């Protein structure tokens, strides 16, 4: 929404249908790293933008 793209336009840019976009948004389907990269490119953001506000987990 911030970039002014519809689900259809975003789907076309990332190579998926708008129905698939809806499944990603609701968490019904997982998203691969390569698809996430395509979304970042379509939205003109860094992949890290999708992780803003998520606490870092430290594994020891």
Protein backbone atom coordinates (compact mmCIF):
# COMPACT_ATOMS: atom_id res chain seq x y z
CA UNK A 1 0.00 0.00 0.00
CA UNK A 2 2.82 2.41 0.84
CA UNK A 3 4.25 1.99 -2.66
CA UNK A 4 0.87 2.39 -4.35
CA UNK A 5 0.81 -1.11 -5.87
CA UNK A 6 -2.24 -3.32 -6.00
CA UNK A 7 -1.97 -7.00 -5.14
CA UNK A 8 -2.31 -7.75 -8.84
CA UNK A 9 0.55 -5.41 -9.77
CA UNK A 10 2.78 -6.75 -7.00
CA UNK A 11 1.98 -10.30 -8.01
CA UNK A 12 2.89 -9.64 -11.63
CA UNK A 13 6.19 -8.05 -10.58
CA UNK A 14 7.03 -11.04 -8.37
CA UNK A 15 5.67 -13.72 -10.70
CA UNK A 16 2.70 -14.88 -8.61
CA UNK A 17 -1.07 -14.40 -8.65
CA UNK A 18 -2.88 -11.96 -6.40
CA UNK A 19 -4.43 -14.98 -4.66
CA UNK A 20 -0.92 -16.11 -3.74
CA UNK A 21 -0.19 -12.61 -2.40
CA UNK A 22 -3.24 -12.93 -0.15
CA UNK A 23 -2.02 -16.30 1.14
CA UNK A 24 1.38 -14.80 1.96
CA UNK A 25 -0.27 -11.86 3.75
CA UNK A 26 -2.44 -14.08 5.91
CA UNK A 27 0.35 -16.54 6.66
CA UNK A 28 -1.38 -19.46 4.95
CA UNK A 29 1.69 -20.02 2.75
CA UNK A 30 5.36 -19.58 3.49
CA UNK A 31 7.51 -17.46 1.26
CA UNK A 32 10.87 -18.56 -0.10
CA UNK A 33 13.98 -16.40 0.13
CA UNK A 34 14.07 -15.99 -3.64
CA UNK A 35 10.44 -14.85 -3.73
CA UNK A 36 11.08 -12.45 -0.85
CA UNK A 37 13.96 -11.01 -2.89
CA UNK A 38 11.60 -10.52 -5.86
CA UNK A 39 9.11 -8.70 -3.64
CA UNK A 40 11.88 -6.46 -2.30
CA UNK A 41 12.91 -5.58 -5.85
CA UNK A 42 9.32 -4.92 -6.91
CA UNK A 43 8.83 -2.62 -3.91
CA UNK A 44 12.26 -1.00 -4.29
CA UNK A 45 13.30 -1.85 -0.70
CA UNK A 46 16.03 -3.92 0.91
CA UNK A 47 15.03 -7.42 2.03
CA UNK A 48 15.81 -6.29 5.58
CA UNK A 49 12.79 -3.97 5.40
CA UNK A 50 10.54 -7.01 5.84
CA UNK A 51 12.20 -7.73 9.19
CA UNK A 52 11.97 -4.26 10.73
CA UNK A 53 10.69 -4.40 14.28
CA UNK A 54 11.44 -8.08 14.78
CA UNK A 55 13.61 -8.78 17.80
CA UNK A 56 16.93 -10.47 17.11
CA UNK A 57 17.28 -14.01 18.45
CA UNK A 58 20.69 -14.94 19.76
CA UNK A 59 21.59 -18.62 19.40
CA UNK A 60 24.38 -19.93 21.58
